[in-house]
Amino acid sequence: MKVHHGRGPRRYYEQEGRGLDIHVLEATTYTRLKEQGLCDRGIVPDFLGFMRKFDPSLCQPHLRKFLDDEYPPSAIFLEYITSLGMINLRNYTPQRVNNLLKGIRQIHKVLVRHRDSKPRNMMIVKDSSDAESRLARF
């Protein structure tokens, strides 16, 4: 579960017509990726759904950081992979990086831009013999 802090109304200086609610942007992105089969192909974690503007007092003590927020939080639910780890210099292989690049190309084909392609968002499945990798955090 990935929880986003709530967002209030657009401020006077914020550009019209631009999506600013990170939850809406990410839920829309994962919905498109799921509909296009990228979750089923293992390119991104499986998208299980979302909750919009819920009461964090029902999820205590886990969401205590959201109790004093002015606006209610929202959440997306993603597949939990126990052996998922961040790619780094110790576990880097050309095959893993090639798999990540193929994944980014497939994401672009369904008209989604991965605008945060840093190593912390490039995940590998540690126990996988076939250099399995996933992209996260859109």
Protein backbone atom coordinates (compact mmCIF):
# COMPACT_ATOMS: atom_id res chain seq x y z
CA MET A 1 0.00 0.00 0.00
CA LYS A 2 1.36 3.40 -0.98
CA VAL A 3 -0.35 6.28 0.81
CA HIS A 4 -0.38 9.85 -0.52
CA HIS A 5 -1.06 12.91 1.59
CA GLY A 6 -4.32 14.63 0.64
CA ARG A 7 -4.35 17.65 -1.59
CA GLY A 8 -6.51 20.73 -1.34
CA PRO A 9 -7.88 22.94 -4.10
CA ARG A 10 -5.63 24.36 -6.82
CA ARG A 11 -3.72 27.48 -5.72
CA TYR A 12 -3.88 30.70 -7.73
CA TYR A 13 -0.33 30.30 -9.05
CA GLU A 14 -0.73 26.68 -10.18
CA GLN A 15 -1.14 26.09 -13.89
CA GLU A 16 -4.66 25.27 -15.11
CA GLY A 17 -5.17 22.01 -16.95
CA ARG A 18 -2.21 20.30 -15.29
CA GLY A 19 -2.73 17.34 -13.00
CA LEU A 20 -1.33 18.12 -9.57
CA ASP A 21 -2.76 15.39 -7.34
CA ILE A 22 -0.02 12.75 -7.16
CA HIS A 23 -2.55 10.07 -6.19
CA VAL A 24 -4.74 10.72 -9.24
CA LEU A 25 -1.71 10.75 -11.53
CA GLU A 26 -0.26 7.52 -10.14
CA ALA A 27 -3.59 5.65 -9.94
CA THR A 28 -4.37 6.65 -13.54
CA THR A 29 -0.92 5.52 -14.68
CA TYR A 30 -1.15 2.12 -12.98
CA THR A 31 -4.70 1.64 -14.30
CA ARG A 32 -3.44 2.20 -17.86
CA LEU A 33 -0.44 -0.09 -17.35
CA LYS A 34 -2.71 -2.83 -15.98
CA GLU A 35 -5.22 -2.45 -18.84
CA GLN A 36 -2.39 -2.72 -21.38
CA GLY A 37 -1.04 -5.93 -19.78
CA LEU A 38 2.24 -4.59 -18.39
CA CYS A 39 1.42 -5.85 -14.88
CA ASP A 40 0.69 -9.34 -16.22
CA ARG A 41 3.99 -9.35 -18.13
CA GLY A 42 5.92 -8.47 -14.96
CA ILE A 43 7.23 -5.12 -16.16
CA VAL A 44 5.65 -3.23 -13.27
CA PRO A 45 4.20 -4.56 -9.99
CA ASP A 46 0.60 -5.74 -10.25
CA PHE A 47 -1.88 -2.94 -9.55
CA LEU A 48 -4.57 -4.16 -7.18
CA GLY A 49 -6.65 -0.98 -6.83
CA PHE A 50 -6.92 2.26 -4.89
CA MET A 51 -8.79 4.07 -2.12
CA ARG A 52 -9.61 7.74 -2.46
CA LYS A 53 -9.85 10.11 0.52
CA PHE A 54 -10.24 7.71 3.42
CA ASP A 55 -10.24 8.22 7.18
CA PRO A 56 -6.71 7.46 8.47
CA SER A 57 -7.99 6.96 12.03
CA LEU A 58 -9.29 3.56 10.88
CA CYS A 59 -5.74 2.44 10.08
CA GLN A 60 -3.93 3.13 13.33
CA PRO A 61 -1.16 2.96 14.40
CA HIS A 62 0.23 2.42 10.89
CA LEU A 63 -0.95 5.74 9.42
CA ARG A 64 -0.46 8.00 12.43
CA LYS A 65 1.55 10.46 10.31
CA PHE A 66 -1.64 11.24 8.38
CA LEU A 67 -3.90 11.98 11.36
CA ASP A 68 -3.21 15.72 11.53
CA ASP A 69 -3.38 16.36 7.78
CA GLU A 70 -5.84 19.00 6.62
CA TYR A 71 -7.05 16.82 3.73
CA PRO A 72 -7.68 13.05 3.86
CA PRO A 73 -5.11 10.71 2.33
CA SER A 74 -5.54 8.37 -0.64
CA ALA A 75 -3.76 5.08 -1.35
CA ILE A 76 -2.87 2.71 -4.15
CA PHE A 77 -2.40 -1.02 -3.65
CA LEU A 78 0.46 -2.77 -5.43
CA GLU A 79 1.71 -6.34 -5.50
CA TYR A 80 4.06 -7.17 -2.61
CA ILE A 81 7.17 -9.01 -3.76
CA THR A 82 9.19 -10.25 -0.79
CA SER A 83 12.53 -10.56 -2.57
CA LEU A 84 12.41 -7.23 -4.38
CA GLY A 85 15.51 -5.06 -4.10
CA MET A 86 16.95 -1.94 -5.66
CA ILE A 87 19.47 -2.35 -8.46
CA ASN A 88 22.99 -1.32 -7.46
CA LEU A 89 26.61 -1.91 -8.44
CA ARG A 90 26.75 -5.26 -6.59
CA ASN A 91 23.76 -6.86 -8.31
CA TYR A 92 24.04 -5.07 -11.66
CA THR A 93 24.24 -7.30 -14.73
CA PRO A 94 23.95 -6.31 -18.38
CA GLN A 95 20.93 -8.62 -18.69
CA ARG A 96 19.11 -6.89 -15.81
CA VAL A 97 19.73 -3.44 -17.27
CA ASN A 98 18.63 -4.67 -20.69
CA ASN A 99 15.39 -5.99 -19.13
CA LEU A 100 14.80 -2.60 -17.49
CA LEU A 101 15.36 -0.77 -20.79
CA LYS A 102 12.94 -3.13 -22.55
CA GLY A 103 10.42 -2.39 -19.80
CA ILE A 104 10.77 1.38 -20.23
CA ARG A 105 10.24 1.00 -24.00
CA GLN A 106 7.06 -1.02 -23.41
CA ILE A 107 5.82 1.60 -20.93
CA HIS A 108 6.41 4.31 -23.54
CA LYS A 109 4.48 2.28 -26.15
CA VAL A 110 1.33 2.58 -24.01
CA LEU A 111 1.87 6.36 -23.81
CA VAL A 112 3.11 6.51 -20.23
CA ARG A 113 6.30 8.38 -19.39
CA HIS A 114 8.39 7.08 -16.55
CA ARG A 115 9.69 10.44 -15.36
CA ASP A 116 11.62 9.13 -12.39
CA SER A 117 13.93 6.44 -13.77
CA LYS A 118 16.53 6.45 -11.02
CA PRO A 119 18.18 3.33 -9.56
CA ARG A 120 15.87 3.52 -6.52
CA ASN A 121 12.90 2.98 -8.87
CA MET A 122 14.55 0.14 -10.80
CA MET A 123 13.92 -3.04 -8.88
CA ILE A 124 15.24 -6.56 -9.27
CA VAL A 125 13.86 -9.81 -7.93
CA LYS A 126 16.79 -11.04 -5.82
CA ASP A 127 16.03 -14.77 -5.96
CA SER A 128 15.30 -14.81 -9.69
CA SER A 129 17.61 -16.79 -11.94
CA ASP A 130 16.41 -15.03 -15.10
CA ALA A 131 17.42 -11.46 -14.12
CA GLU A 132 13.79 -10.50 -13.48
CA SER A 133 13.30 -6.77 -12.96
CA ARG A 134 10.45 -4.30 -12.33
CA LEU A 135 9.97 -0.56 -12.64
CA ALA A 136 8.20 1.37 -9.90
CA ARG A 137 7.19 4.87 -8.76
CA PHE A 138 5.67 6.81 -11.60
